[in-house]
Amino acid sequence: MYIEEKRYLFSLIRFARDPQKLYNFYRSSEAETVMLGTKAPWVGVKGIFKDPRWATANTVPWSYLEYEPLDIAGNPAPMPQRNIFEPPIQALTLGAAQASDDIKATTNVYDASLGSQSNEVSGIAIQRRQGQMELSNFHFVDNLNRAILQCGVILCDLIPKIYDTPRQVRILGEDMQEKIVAVNQQFKDEYGAVKCYDLANGKYDVRMKIGPSFKTQREQTASQLVELSQNFPQLMQVAGDIVFDNLNLPGAEKIADRLRKSMPPGLTDDPNKKPQEMLAAQNQQQAQQIEQMTAALTKLTDDVRSKTIEAEYSQRIEQMKIRVERPPGRAQGAG
C-alpha cells in the first residue's frame, strides 16, 4: 500500500490481529467464568467453619459437611450459604462469534473458501464466495508467483554453469511422473532419432502457468466424465478406458487395460508407441484379417462344392427314376 508516496508492506493477517486478540479474550473469559462457577465460595458467620473439610468444599465432593451452630460470640448461627451466580456464558459466546466474523471480514477468507459448510448451499454461491476471496487477496498470490518466476530465471542462469558435463538428470512432467533425460551428450530416443540437449547452447526462459494442480484437474475431469457417462451411456463403449484412467480408484488402471483390449483396434491406437511397435501391430492385425478372410473363403468354397455334388447326385437320381418308370418296348414279329 502506498501512502503519501511511501510504500508500506502488510501481511494477510496484519489487520486481523485486533479481532484475534478480542477472540482470545472472549474465549479465555468464557473458560475462567465457567471455572469460577464451579468454585463459588461459601458464606457464613465467623466460627462455624471449624471442620477442616470446609477448606476444600469447593474442590472435593464431600458427602456431608458439618458446621458449628454457634458463632464466636456464642449466639446461634445461621446455616452457611453458597454464593452462586449465573455466569454470562451466552454473552461471551456471542462476543467470540462476532470476533470470529471480524477475522473473516478483515482477511476476506470465509468458510466457503476454507472448505467448511456455510450459509451457501448451491455450488454457484460457493464458487462466487471463493471468487470473492481470490479477488480480495489476489495480490498475495500474485507476489508469490512473481517470486517463483524470479527463482526460475535465476535457475536458468545457474543450471548451464553447474551441469556442464555429460550426465543424466531427473525431470518431472506435468503429471508429476519421473523421467530420466541425458544432457550434454548425444543419445537415441525411443524412436531411434539422435538427439543432444546441450545446456551450454541456446537461451532459456521460464513460463509460468497458474491454475489447479494435475491432481485437481484429474479429479475434475473424472467428475465430468462420470457425469457424461451417466447422461450418455454409449460413451463407455468408445471411451471407457479413458474414464477409468482418470478415476482415482484401486484397480482402475487394470479395468482400463481390460476395456482397451476389448475395444476395436482403431479406437485404442497409442500415439506414444514406437514406429516398429506400431508397424508390428499393424502387420499382426492384417495377418489376422487375411487369416479370417482365407478361412471364410475356404468355407465358402467347401459349401459351393458340397452344393454342386448334391445337385449332381439329385440329378442322377431323377434320371434313374425316369428310366425305371419308362422301360424300353419289345420288338414285334410279322403276322
C-alpha atoms as a PDB file:
ATOM      1  CA  MET A   1       0.000   0.000   0.000  1.00  0.00           C
ATOM      2  CA  TYR A   2       1.309   3.454  -0.953  1.00  0.00           C
ATOM      3  CA  ILE A   3       0.541   6.307   1.448  1.00  0.00           C
ATOM      4  CA  GLU A   4       1.962   9.732   0.546  1.00  0.00           C
ATOM      5  CA  GLU A   5       4.369   8.136  -1.953  1.00  0.00           C
ATOM      6  CA  LYS A   6       5.734   5.796   0.679  1.00  0.00           C
ATOM      7  CA  ARG A   7       5.360   2.043   0.374  1.00  0.00           C
ATOM      8  CA  TYR A   8       4.008   0.019   3.295  1.00  0.00           C
ATOM      9  CA  LEU A   9       4.046  -3.775   3.377  1.00  0.00           C
ATOM     10  CA  PHE A  10       1.280  -5.701   5.142  1.00  0.00           C
ATOM     11  CA  SER A  11       0.716  -9.408   5.558  1.00  0.00           C
ATOM     12  CA  LEU A  12      -2.616 -11.116   5.049  1.00  0.00           C
ATOM     13  CA  ILE A  13      -3.292 -11.308   8.803  1.00  0.00           C
ATOM     14  CA  ARG A  14      -1.965  -7.823   9.692  1.00  0.00           C
ATOM     15  CA  PHE A  15      -5.407  -6.224  10.159  1.00  0.00           C
ATOM     16  CA  ALA A  16      -6.849  -9.362  11.738  1.00  0.00           C
ATOM     17  CA  ARG A  17      -4.647  -9.156  14.838  1.00  0.00           C
ATOM     18  CA  ASP A  18      -7.041  -6.966  16.844  1.00  0.00           C
ATOM     19  CA  PRO A  19     -10.135  -9.148  16.292  1.00  0.00           C
ATOM     20  CA  GLN A  20      -7.931 -12.182  17.004  1.00  0.00           C
ATOM     21  CA  LYS A  21      -6.916 -10.663  20.357  1.00  0.00           C
ATOM     22  CA  LEU A  22     -10.562  -9.953  21.107  1.00  0.00           C
ATOM     23  CA  TYR A  23     -11.496 -13.522  20.175  1.00  0.00           C
ATOM     24  CA  ASN A  24      -8.801 -14.878  22.503  1.00  0.00           C
ATOM     25  CA  PHE A  25     -10.057 -12.607  25.306  1.00  0.00           C
ATOM     26  CA  TYR A  26     -13.649 -13.830  24.940  1.00  0.00           C
ATOM     27  CA  ARG A  27     -12.601 -17.477  24.932  1.00  0.00           C
ATOM     28  CA  SER A  28     -10.314 -17.005  27.941  1.00  0.00           C
ATOM     29  CA  SER A  29     -13.035 -15.132  29.841  1.00  0.00           C
ATOM     30  CA  GLU A  30     -15.520 -17.860  29.000  1.00  0.00           C
ATOM     31  CA  ALA A  31     -13.186 -20.542  30.382  1.00  0.00           C
ATOM     32  CA  GLU A  32     -12.456 -18.516  33.525  1.00  0.00           C
ATOM     33  CA  THR A  33     -16.143 -17.831  34.140  1.00  0.00           C
ATOM     34  CA  VAL A  34     -17.072 -21.495  33.818  1.00  0.00           C
ATOM     35  CA  MET A  35     -14.225 -22.431  36.153  1.00  0.00           C
ATOM     36  CA  LEU A  36     -15.252 -19.883  38.798  1.00  0.00           C
ATOM     37  CA  GLY A  37     -18.866 -21.002  38.603  1.00  0.00           C
ATOM     38  CA  THR A  38     -17.901 -24.450  39.946  1.00  0.00           C
ATOM     39  CA  LYS A  39     -15.775 -22.903  42.728  1.00  0.00           C
ATOM     40  CA  ALA A  40     -18.270 -20.482  44.240  1.00  0.00           C
ATOM     41  CA  PRO A  41     -17.344 -19.666  47.899  1.00  0.00           C
ATOM     42  CA  TRP A  42     -19.400 -20.466  50.999  1.00  0.00           C
ATOM     43  CA  VAL A  43     -20.618 -17.552  53.129  1.00  0.00           C
ATOM     44  CA  GLY A  44     -21.313 -17.738  56.850  1.00  0.00           C
ATOM     45  CA  VAL A  45     -20.597 -16.122  60.236  1.00  0.00           C
ATOM     46  CA  LYS A  46     -17.188 -16.469  61.735  1.00  0.00           C
ATOM     47  CA  GLY A  47     -16.599 -19.513  63.875  1.00  0.00           C
ATOM     48  CA  ILE A  48     -18.907 -22.034  62.157  1.00  0.00           C
ATOM     49  CA  PHE A  49     -16.243 -23.391  59.756  1.00  0.00           C
ATOM     50  CA  LYS A  50     -14.197 -25.302  62.323  1.00  0.00           C
ATOM     51  CA  ASP A  51     -14.418 -28.559  60.345  1.00  0.00           C
ATOM     52  CA  PRO A  52     -11.255 -28.698  58.130  1.00  0.00           C
ATOM     53  CA  ARG A  53     -13.276 -30.131  55.229  1.00  0.00           C
ATOM     54  CA  TRP A  54     -14.743 -26.671  54.598  1.00  0.00           C
ATOM     55  CA  ALA A  55     -11.346 -25.589  53.217  1.00  0.00           C
ATOM     56  CA  THR A  56     -11.790 -27.981  50.234  1.00  0.00           C
ATOM     57  CA  ALA A  57     -15.573 -27.795  49.940  1.00  0.00           C
ATOM     58  CA  ASN A  58     -15.380 -26.107  46.500  1.00  0.00           C
ATOM     59  CA  THR A  59     -12.971 -28.678  45.031  1.00  0.00           C
ATOM     60  CA  VAL A  60     -13.756 -32.009  46.739  1.00  0.00           C
ATOM     61  CA  PRO A  61     -17.254 -33.567  46.533  1.00  0.00           C
ATOM     62  CA  TRP A  62     -17.712 -34.360  50.230  1.00  0.00           C
ATOM     63  CA  SER A  63     -20.767 -36.476  51.086  1.00  0.00           C
ATOM     64  CA  TYR A  64     -21.637 -34.207  54.032  1.00  0.00           C
ATOM     65  CA  LEU A  65     -20.316 -31.094  55.787  1.00  0.00           C
ATOM     66  CA  GLU A  66     -20.809 -30.095  59.444  1.00  0.00           C
ATOM     67  CA  TYR A  67     -20.843 -26.553  60.840  1.00  0.00           C
ATOM     68  CA  GLU A  68     -20.881 -25.093  64.334  1.00  0.00           C
ATOM     69  CA  PRO A  69     -24.382 -23.933  65.401  1.00  0.00           C
ATOM     70  CA  LEU A  70     -22.886 -21.083  67.486  1.00  0.00           C
ATOM     71  CA  ASP A  71     -20.673 -18.259  66.355  1.00  0.00           C
ATOM     72  CA  ILE A  72     -17.619 -16.922  68.221  1.00  0.00           C
ATOM     73  CA  ALA A  73     -19.945 -14.820  70.454  1.00  0.00           C
ATOM     74  CA  GLY A  74     -21.943 -17.865  71.470  1.00  0.00           C
ATOM     75  CA  ASN A  75     -25.040 -16.807  69.578  1.00  0.00           C
ATOM     76  CA  PRO A  76     -26.990 -19.182  67.271  1.00  0.00           C
ATOM     77  CA  ALA A  77     -25.530 -19.048  63.764  1.00  0.00           C
ATOM     78  CA  PRO A  78     -27.465 -19.487  60.516  1.00  0.00           C
ATOM     79  CA  MET A  79     -26.600 -22.229  58.037  1.00  0.00           C
ATOM     80  CA  PRO A  80     -23.783 -21.396  55.583  1.00  0.00           C
ATOM     81  CA  GLN A  81     -24.947 -20.330  52.140  1.00  0.00           C
ATOM     82  CA  ARG A  82     -23.105 -20.714  48.868  1.00  0.00           C
ATOM     83  CA  ASN A  83     -22.534 -17.586  46.789  1.00  0.00           C
ATOM     84  CA  ILE A  84     -23.880 -18.951  43.490  1.00  0.00           C
ATOM     85  CA  PHE A  85     -24.165 -16.758  40.393  1.00  0.00           C
ATOM     86  CA  GLU A  86     -25.130 -17.371  36.789  1.00  0.00           C
ATOM     87  CA  PRO A  87     -22.065 -16.839  34.555  1.00  0.00           C
ATOM     88  CA  PRO A  88     -22.768 -14.881  31.320  1.00  0.00           C
ATOM     89  CA  ILE A  89     -21.697 -17.732  29.049  1.00  0.00           C
ATOM     90  CA  GLN A  90     -24.131 -16.827  26.274  1.00  0.00           C
ATOM     91  CA  ALA A  91     -22.926 -13.229  26.071  1.00  0.00           C
ATOM     92  CA  LEU A  92     -19.298 -14.340  25.926  1.00  0.00           C
ATOM     93  CA  THR A  93     -20.091 -16.891  23.225  1.00  0.00           C
ATOM     94  CA  LEU A  94     -21.839 -14.269  21.093  1.00  0.00           C
ATOM     95  CA  GLY A  95     -18.865 -11.934  21.532  1.00  0.00           C
ATOM     96  CA  ALA A  96     -16.453 -14.674  20.418  1.00  0.00           C
ATOM     97  CA  ALA A  97     -18.630 -15.422  17.355  1.00  0.00           C
ATOM     98  CA  GLN A  98     -18.637 -11.737  16.410  1.00  0.00           C
ATOM     99  CA  ALA A  99     -14.854 -11.572  16.801  1.00  0.00           C
ATOM    100  CA  SER A 100     -14.547 -14.649  14.561  1.00  0.00           C
ATOM    101  CA  ASP A 101     -16.656 -12.923  11.896  1.00  0.00           C
ATOM    102  CA  ASP A 102     -14.420  -9.853  12.207  1.00  0.00           C
ATOM    103  CA  ILE A 103     -11.377 -12.026  11.484  1.00  0.00           C
ATOM    104  CA  LYS A 104     -13.046 -13.364   8.329  1.00  0.00           C
ATOM    105  CA  ALA A 105     -14.058  -9.856   7.257  1.00  0.00           C
ATOM    106  CA  THR A 106     -10.567  -8.408   7.662  1.00  0.00           C
ATOM    107  CA  THR A 107      -8.881 -11.267   5.781  1.00  0.00           C
ATOM    108  CA  ASN A 108     -11.724 -11.841   3.265  1.00  0.00           C
ATOM    109  CA  VAL A 109     -11.353 -15.582   3.867  1.00  0.00           C
ATOM    110  CA  TYR A 110     -14.758 -17.065   4.661  1.00  0.00           C
ATOM    111  CA  ASP A 111     -15.947 -20.554   5.474  1.00  0.00           C
ATOM    112  CA  ALA A 112     -16.691 -21.434   1.861  1.00  0.00           C
ATOM    113  CA  SER A 113     -13.116 -20.572   0.889  1.00  0.00           C
ATOM    114  CA  LEU A 114     -11.770 -22.921   3.563  1.00  0.00           C
ATOM    115  CA  GLY A 115     -13.975 -25.825   2.523  1.00  0.00           C
ATOM    116  CA  SER A 116     -16.268 -25.570   5.569  1.00  0.00           C
ATOM    117  CA  GLN A 117     -20.034 -25.583   5.381  1.00  0.00           C
ATOM    118  CA  SER A 118     -21.546 -22.108   5.464  1.00  0.00           C
ATOM    119  CA  ASN A 119     -24.787 -20.389   4.575  1.00  0.00           C
ATOM    120  CA  GLU A 120     -24.190 -21.046   0.880  1.00  0.00           C
ATOM    121  CA  VAL A 121     -25.936 -24.210  -0.241  1.00  0.00           C
ATOM    122  CA  SER A 122     -25.631 -24.107  -4.036  1.00  0.00           C
ATOM    123  CA  GLY A 123     -22.435 -24.716  -5.948  1.00  0.00           C
ATOM    124  CA  ILE A 124     -22.683 -21.375  -7.755  1.00  0.00           C
ATOM    125  CA  ALA A 125     -22.952 -19.477  -4.462  1.00  0.00           C
ATOM    126  CA  ILE A 126     -19.918 -21.270  -3.048  1.00  0.00           C
ATOM    127  CA  GLN A 127     -17.901 -20.536  -6.192  1.00  0.00           C
ATOM    128  CA  ARG A 128     -18.855 -16.855  -6.025  1.00  0.00           C
ATOM    129  CA  ARG A 129     -17.779 -16.633  -2.405  1.00  0.00           C
ATOM    130  CA  GLN A 130     -14.466 -18.326  -3.270  1.00  0.00           C
ATOM    131  CA  GLY A 131     -14.057 -15.930  -6.174  1.00  0.00           C
ATOM    132  CA  GLN A 132     -14.651 -13.011  -3.821  1.00  0.00           C
ATOM    133  CA  MET A 133     -11.813 -14.242  -1.595  1.00  0.00           C
ATOM    134  CA  GLU A 134      -9.483 -14.689  -4.568  1.00  0.00           C
ATOM    135  CA  LEU A 135     -10.319 -11.216  -5.880  1.00  0.00           C
ATOM    136  CA  SER A 136      -9.701  -9.571  -2.491  1.00  0.00           C
ATOM    137  CA  ASN A 137      -6.390 -11.340  -1.845  1.00  0.00           C
ATOM    138  CA  PHE A 138      -5.094 -11.787  -5.387  1.00  0.00           C
ATOM    139  CA  HIS A 139      -2.070  -9.548  -4.761  1.00  0.00           C
ATOM    140  CA  PHE A 140      -0.622 -12.005  -2.229  1.00  0.00           C
ATOM    141  CA  VAL A 141      -0.783 -14.886  -4.712  1.00  0.00           C
ATOM    142  CA  ASP A 142       0.434 -12.582  -7.492  1.00  0.00           C
ATOM    143  CA  ASN A 143       3.516 -11.608  -5.498  1.00  0.00           C
ATOM    144  CA  LEU A 144       4.170 -15.260  -4.695  1.00  0.00           C
ATOM    145  CA  ASN A 145       4.003 -16.129  -8.398  1.00  0.00           C
ATOM    146  CA  ARG A 146       6.442 -13.329  -9.196  1.00  0.00           C
ATOM    147  CA  ALA A 147       8.860 -14.699  -6.608  1.00  0.00           C
ATOM    148  CA  ILE A 148       8.606 -18.217  -8.067  1.00  0.00           C
ATOM    149  CA  LEU A 149       9.122 -16.823 -11.564  1.00  0.00           C
ATOM    150  CA  GLN A 150      12.224 -14.928 -10.464  1.00  0.00           C
ATOM    151  CA  CYS A 151      13.564 -18.103  -8.844  1.00  0.00           C
ATOM    152  CA  GLY A 152      13.138 -19.895 -12.186  1.00  0.00           C
ATOM    153  CA  VAL A 153      15.019 -17.128 -14.002  1.00  0.00           C
ATOM    154  CA  ILE A 154      17.912 -17.481 -11.558  1.00  0.00           C
ATOM    155  CA  LEU A 155      17.970 -21.261 -12.020  1.00  0.00           C
ATOM    156  CA  CYS A 156      18.032 -20.892 -15.823  1.00  0.00           C
ATOM    157  CA  ASP A 157      21.174 -18.813 -15.422  1.00  0.00           C
ATOM    158  CA  LEU A 158      22.871 -21.208 -12.981  1.00  0.00           C
ATOM    159  CA  ILE A 159      21.970 -24.655 -14.367  1.00  0.00           C
ATOM    160  CA  PRO A 160      24.116 -24.427 -17.581  1.00  0.00           C
ATOM    161  CA  LYS A 161      27.091 -23.361 -15.469  1.00  0.00           C
ATOM    162  CA  ILE A 162      26.707 -26.220 -12.979  1.00  0.00           C
ATOM    163  CA  TYR A 163      25.554 -29.009 -15.331  1.00  0.00           C
ATOM    164  CA  ASP A 164      28.480 -28.601 -17.755  1.00  0.00           C
ATOM    165  CA  THR A 165      29.394 -32.295 -18.208  1.00  0.00           C
ATOM    166  CA  PRO A 166      27.546 -35.264 -19.756  1.00  0.00           C
ATOM    167  CA  ARG A 167      25.114 -36.678 -17.225  1.00  0.00           C
ATOM    168  CA  GLN A 168      21.612 -37.925 -16.731  1.00  0.00           C
ATOM    169  CA  VAL A 169      19.109 -35.776 -14.875  1.00  0.00           C
ATOM    170  CA  ARG A 170      15.686 -36.496 -13.473  1.00  0.00           C
ATOM    171  CA  ILE A 171      12.785 -34.365 -14.646  1.00  0.00           C
ATOM    172  CA  LEU A 172       9.135 -34.268 -13.663  1.00  0.00           C
ATOM    173  CA  GLY A 173       6.303 -33.983 -16.150  1.00  0.00           C
ATOM    174  CA  GLU A 174       3.052 -32.120 -15.728  1.00  0.00           C
ATOM    175  CA  ASP A 175       1.524 -35.248 -14.207  1.00  0.00           C
ATOM    176  CA  MET A 176       4.480 -35.471 -11.753  1.00  0.00           C
ATOM    177  CA  GLN A 177       5.801 -38.609 -13.473  1.00  0.00           C
ATOM    178  CA  GLU A 178       9.576 -39.019 -13.304  1.00  0.00           C
ATOM    179  CA  LYS A 179      11.721 -39.323 -16.422  1.00  0.00           C
ATOM    180  CA  ILE A 180      15.496 -39.659 -16.907  1.00  0.00           C
ATOM    181  CA  VAL A 181      16.962 -37.444 -19.638  1.00  0.00           C
ATOM    182  CA  ALA A 182      20.584 -37.348 -20.871  1.00  0.00           C
ATOM    183  CA  VAL A 183      22.107 -33.862 -21.243  1.00  0.00           C
ATOM    184  CA  ASN A 184      25.327 -32.575 -22.820  1.00  0.00           C
ATOM    185  CA  GLN A 185      25.699 -35.769 -24.879  1.00  0.00           C
ATOM    186  CA  GLN A 186      24.223 -37.473 -27.915  1.00  0.00           C
ATOM    187  CA  PHE A 187      21.666 -40.228 -27.384  1.00  0.00           C
ATOM    188  CA  LYS A 188      18.881 -42.034 -29.202  1.00  0.00           C
ATOM    189  CA  ASP A 189      15.325 -41.546 -28.099  1.00  0.00           C
ATOM    190  CA  GLU A 190      12.656 -44.222 -28.088  1.00  0.00           C
ATOM    191  CA  TYR A 191      12.036 -43.611 -31.810  1.00  0.00           C
ATOM    192  CA  GLY A 192      15.681 -44.110 -32.727  1.00  0.00           C
ATOM    193  CA  ALA A 193      16.368 -40.449 -33.516  1.00  0.00           C
ATOM    194  CA  VAL A 194      19.722 -38.997 -32.423  1.00  0.00           C
ATOM    195  CA  LYS A 195      19.354 -36.003 -30.093  1.00  0.00           C
ATOM    196  CA  CYS A 196      21.600 -33.856 -27.926  1.00  0.00           C
ATOM    197  CA  TYR A 197      20.454 -31.489 -25.197  1.00  0.00           C
ATOM    198  CA  ASP A 198      23.427 -29.156 -24.841  1.00  0.00           C
ATOM    199  CA  LEU A 199      22.648 -26.844 -21.939  1.00  0.00           C
ATOM    200  CA  ALA A 200      25.531 -24.500 -22.815  1.00  0.00           C
ATOM    201  CA  ASN A 201      23.947 -23.567 -26.142  1.00  0.00           C
ATOM    202  CA  GLY A 202      20.760 -21.652 -26.590  1.00  0.00           C
ATOM    203  CA  LYS A 203      18.785 -19.252 -24.466  1.00  0.00           C
ATOM    204  CA  TYR A 204      16.291 -20.472 -21.891  1.00  0.00           C
ATOM    205  CA  ASP A 205      13.283 -18.752 -20.465  1.00  0.00           C
ATOM    206  CA  VAL A 206      10.674 -19.502 -17.827  1.00  0.00           C
ATOM    207  CA  ARG A 207       6.982 -19.794 -18.469  1.00  0.00           C
ATOM    208  CA  MET A 208       4.642 -19.937 -15.514  1.00  0.00           C
ATOM    209  CA  LYS A 209       1.116 -21.274 -15.671  1.00  0.00           C
ATOM    210  CA  ILE A 210      -1.253 -20.548 -12.821  1.00  0.00           C
ATOM    211  CA  GLY A 211      -4.120 -22.919 -12.275  1.00  0.00           C
ATOM    212  CA  PRO A 212      -5.230 -26.074 -10.492  1.00  0.00           C
ATOM    213  CA  SER A 213      -2.722 -28.845  -9.939  1.00  0.00           C
ATOM    214  CA  PHE A 214      -2.656 -32.042 -12.006  1.00  0.00           C
ATOM    215  CA  LYS A 215      -4.454 -33.910  -9.215  1.00  0.00           C
ATOM    216  CA  THR A 216      -7.230 -31.321  -9.071  1.00  0.00           C
ATOM    217  CA  GLN A 217      -7.565 -31.333 -12.856  1.00  0.00           C
ATOM    218  CA  ARG A 218      -7.763 -35.114 -12.842  1.00  0.00           C
ATOM    219  CA  GLU A 219     -10.491 -35.088 -10.181  1.00  0.00           C
ATOM    220  CA  GLN A 220     -12.482 -32.506 -12.122  1.00  0.00           C
ATOM    221  CA  THR A 221     -12.050 -34.478 -15.352  1.00  0.00           C
ATOM    222  CA  ALA A 222     -13.138 -37.692 -13.649  1.00  0.00           C
ATOM    223  CA  SER A 223     -16.243 -35.987 -12.234  1.00  0.00           C
ATOM    224  CA  GLN A 224     -17.205 -34.599 -15.638  1.00  0.00           C
ATOM    225  CA  LEU A 225     -16.565 -37.911 -17.417  1.00  0.00           C
ATOM    226  CA  VAL A 226     -18.692 -39.832 -14.904  1.00  0.00           C
ATOM    227  CA  GLU A 227     -21.499 -37.303 -15.324  1.00  0.00           C
ATOM    228  CA  LEU A 228     -21.258 -37.552 -19.110  1.00  0.00           C
ATOM    229  CA  SER A 229     -21.256 -41.356 -19.000  1.00  0.00           C
ATOM    230  CA  GLN A 230     -24.432 -41.268 -16.909  1.00  0.00           C
ATOM    231  CA  ASN A 231     -26.176 -38.989 -19.391  1.00  0.00           C
ATOM    232  CA  PHE A 232     -24.689 -40.717 -22.473  1.00  0.00           C
ATOM    233  CA  PRO A 233     -24.187 -44.450 -21.733  1.00  0.00           C
ATOM    234  CA  GLN A 234     -22.740 -45.017 -25.222  1.00  0.00           C
ATOM    235  CA  LEU A 235     -19.666 -43.037 -24.122  1.00  0.00           C
ATOM    236  CA  MET A 236     -18.456 -46.054 -22.121  1.00  0.00           C
ATOM    237  CA  GLN A 237     -18.404 -48.114 -25.321  1.00  0.00           C
ATOM    238  CA  VAL A 238     -15.947 -45.816 -27.117  1.00  0.00           C
ATOM    239  CA  ALA A 239     -14.086 -44.130 -24.228  1.00  0.00           C
ATOM    240  CA  GLY A 240     -14.495 -46.410 -21.225  1.00  0.00           C
ATOM    241  CA  ASP A 241     -10.720 -46.826 -20.867  1.00  0.00           C
ATOM    242  CA  ILE A 242     -10.236 -43.042 -20.690  1.00  0.00           C
ATOM    243  CA  VAL A 243     -12.907 -42.742 -17.998  1.00  0.00           C
ATOM    244  CA  PHE A 244     -11.215 -45.341 -15.790  1.00  0.00           C
ATOM    245  CA  ASP A 245      -7.753 -43.881 -16.462  1.00  0.00           C
ATOM    246  CA  ASN A 246      -8.910 -40.656 -14.801  1.00  0.00           C
ATOM    247  CA  LEU A 247     -10.577 -42.333 -11.811  1.00  0.00           C
ATOM    248  CA  ASN A 248      -8.502 -42.389  -8.649  1.00  0.00           C
ATOM    249  CA  LEU A 249      -9.667 -45.840  -7.577  1.00  0.00           C
ATOM    250  CA  PRO A 250      -7.769 -49.017  -6.677  1.00  0.00           C
ATOM    251  CA  GLY A 251      -7.631 -51.239  -9.747  1.00  0.00           C
ATOM    252  CA  ALA A 252      -8.851 -48.528 -12.147  1.00  0.00           C
ATOM    253  CA  GLU A 253      -5.799 -48.994 -14.395  1.00  0.00           C
ATOM    254  CA  LYS A 254      -6.429 -52.739 -14.688  1.00  0.00           C
ATOM    255  CA  ILE A 255     -10.048 -52.122 -15.631  1.00  0.00           C
ATOM    256  CA  ALA A 256      -8.923 -49.559 -18.222  1.00  0.00           C
ATOM    257  CA  ASP A 257      -6.449 -52.076 -19.719  1.00  0.00           C
ATOM    258  CA  ARG A 258      -9.128 -54.748 -19.986  1.00  0.00           C
ATOM    259  CA  LEU A 259     -11.549 -52.336 -21.621  1.00  0.00           C
ATOM    260  CA  ARG A 260      -8.820 -51.204 -24.016  1.00  0.00           C
ATOM    261  CA  LYS A 261      -8.137 -54.802 -25.082  1.00  0.00           C
ATOM    262  CA  SER A 262     -11.821 -55.466 -25.747  1.00  0.00           C
ATOM    263  CA  MET A 263     -12.277 -52.336 -27.873  1.00  0.00           C
ATOM    264  CA  PRO A 264     -11.701 -52.146 -31.649  1.00  0.00           C
ATOM    265  CA  PRO A 265      -8.052 -51.533 -32.634  1.00  0.00           C
ATOM    266  CA  GLY A 266      -8.883 -48.246 -34.362  1.00  0.00           C
ATOM    267  CA  LEU A 267     -10.083 -46.717 -31.069  1.00  0.00           C
ATOM    268  CA  THR A 268      -7.084 -47.706 -28.985  1.00  0.00           C
ATOM    269  CA  ASP A 269      -4.153 -46.542 -31.110  1.00  0.00           C
ATOM    270  CA  ASP A 270      -1.459 -45.212 -28.800  1.00  0.00           C
ATOM    271  CA  PRO A 271       0.423 -42.213 -30.301  1.00  0.00           C
ATOM    272  CA  ASN A 272       3.330 -42.826 -27.915  1.00  0.00           C
ATOM    273  CA  LYS A 273       4.160 -46.235 -29.376  1.00  0.00           C
ATOM    274  CA  LYS A 274       7.378 -46.693 -31.300  1.00  0.00           C
ATOM    275  CA  PRO A 275       7.118 -46.949 -35.100  1.00  0.00           C
ATOM    276  CA  GLN A 276       8.412 -50.531 -35.014  1.00  0.00           C
ATOM    277  CA  GLU A 277       5.774 -51.485 -32.474  1.00  0.00           C
ATOM    278  CA  MET A 278       3.042 -49.748 -34.457  1.00  0.00           C
ATOM    279  CA  LEU A 279       4.181 -51.475 -37.688  1.00  0.00           C
ATOM    280  CA  ALA A 280       4.301 -54.864 -35.976  1.00  0.00           C
ATOM    281  CA  ALA A 281       0.828 -54.299 -34.557  1.00  0.00           C
ATOM    282  CA  GLN A 282      -0.490 -53.326 -37.996  1.00  0.00           C
ATOM    283  CA  ASN A 283       1.140 -56.386 -39.626  1.00  0.00           C
ATOM    284  CA  GLN A 284      -0.318 -58.628 -36.962  1.00  0.00           C
ATOM    285  CA  GLN A 285      -3.725 -57.084 -37.442  1.00  0.00           C
ATOM    286  CA  GLN A 286      -3.511 -57.503 -41.234  1.00  0.00           C
ATOM    287  CA  ALA A 287      -2.341 -61.106 -40.844  1.00  0.00           C
ATOM    288  CA  GLN A 288      -5.325 -61.828 -38.638  1.00  0.00           C
ATOM    289  CA  GLN A 289      -7.657 -60.249 -41.184  1.00  0.00           C
ATOM    290  CA  ILE A 290      -6.096 -62.271 -44.040  1.00  0.00           C
ATOM    291  CA  GLU A 291      -6.390 -65.441 -41.994  1.00  0.00           C
ATOM    292  CA  GLN A 292     -10.038 -64.727 -41.269  1.00  0.00           C
ATOM    293  CA  MET A 293     -10.750 -63.967 -44.926  1.00  0.00           C
ATOM    294  CA  THR A 294      -8.917 -67.147 -46.051  1.00  0.00           C
ATOM    295  CA  ALA A 295     -10.916 -69.230 -43.603  1.00  0.00           C
ATOM    296  CA  ALA A 296     -14.146 -67.629 -44.799  1.00  0.00           C
ATOM    297  CA  LEU A 297     -13.187 -68.236 -48.471  1.00  0.00           C
ATOM    298  CA  THR A 298     -12.280 -71.862 -47.763  1.00  0.00           C
ATOM    299  CA  LYS A 299     -15.596 -72.400 -46.019  1.00  0.00           C
ATOM    300  CA  LEU A 300     -17.460 -70.757 -48.891  1.00  0.00           C
ATOM    301  CA  THR A 301     -15.608 -72.946 -51.452  1.00  0.00           C
ATOM    302  CA  ASP A 302     -16.425 -76.085 -49.475  1.00  0.00           C
ATOM    303  CA  ASP A 303     -20.059 -75.047 -49.286  1.00  0.00           C
ATOM    304  CA  VAL A 304     -20.210 -74.449 -53.062  1.00  0.00           C
ATOM    305  CA  ARG A 305     -18.517 -77.773 -53.774  1.00  0.00           C
ATOM    306  CA  SER A 306     -20.875 -79.652 -51.484  1.00  0.00           C
ATOM    307  CA  LYS A 307     -23.872 -77.912 -53.069  1.00  0.00           C
ATOM    308  CA  THR A 308     -22.592 -78.853 -56.555  1.00  0.00           C
ATOM    309  CA  ILE A 309     -22.099 -82.506 -55.608  1.00  0.00           C
ATOM    310  CA  GLU A 310     -25.516 -82.585 -54.007  1.00  0.00           C
ATOM    311  CA  ALA A 311     -27.103 -81.128 -57.162  1.00  0.00           C
ATOM    312  CA  GLU A 312     -25.351 -83.650 -59.410  1.00  0.00           C
ATOM    313  CA  TYR A 313     -26.394 -86.518 -57.138  1.00  0.00           C
ATOM    314  CA  SER A 314     -30.004 -85.329 -57.170  1.00  0.00           C
ATOM    315  CA  GLN A 315     -29.941 -85.076 -60.994  1.00  0.00           C
ATOM    316  CA  ARG A 316     -28.659 -88.648 -61.373  1.00  0.00           C
ATOM    317  CA  ILE A 317     -31.358 -89.964 -59.068  1.00  0.00           C
ATOM    318  CA  GLU A 318     -34.025 -88.226 -61.111  1.00  0.00           C
ATOM    319  CA  GLN A 319     -32.630 -89.733 -64.335  1.00  0.00           C
ATOM    320  CA  MET A 320     -32.637 -93.245 -62.838  1.00  0.00           C
ATOM    321  CA  LYS A 321     -36.244 -92.777 -61.708  1.00  0.00           C
ATOM    322  CA  ILE A 322     -37.254 -91.812 -65.228  1.00  0.00           C
ATOM    323  CA  ARG A 323     -35.588 -94.906 -66.713  1.00  0.00           C
ATOM    324  CA  VAL A 324     -37.315 -97.210 -64.227  1.00  0.00           C
ATOM    325  CA  GLU A 325     -40.766 -95.753 -64.867  1.00  0.00           C
ATOM    326  CA  ARG A 326     -40.411 -95.969 -68.735  1.00  0.00           C
ATOM    327  CA  PRO A 327     -38.804 -99.352 -69.672  1.00  0.00           C
ATOM    328  CA  PRO A 328     -37.792 -99.895 -73.383  1.00  0.00           C
ATOM    329  CA  GLY A 329     -40.520-101.597 -75.767  1.00  0.00           C
ATOM    330  CA  ARG A 330     -40.221-105.193 -77.194  1.00  0.00           C
ATOM    331  CA  ALA A 331     -39.723-105.922 -80.950  1.00  0.00           C
ATOM    332  CA  GLN A 332     -42.870-107.364 -82.716  1.00  0.00           C
ATOM    333  CA  GLY A 333     -42.644-110.202 -85.334  1.00  0.00           C
ATOM    334  CA  ALA A 334     -44.539-110.391 -88.776  1.00  0.00           C
ATOM    335  CA  GLY A 335     -48.063-111.982 -88.757  1.00  0.00           C
END
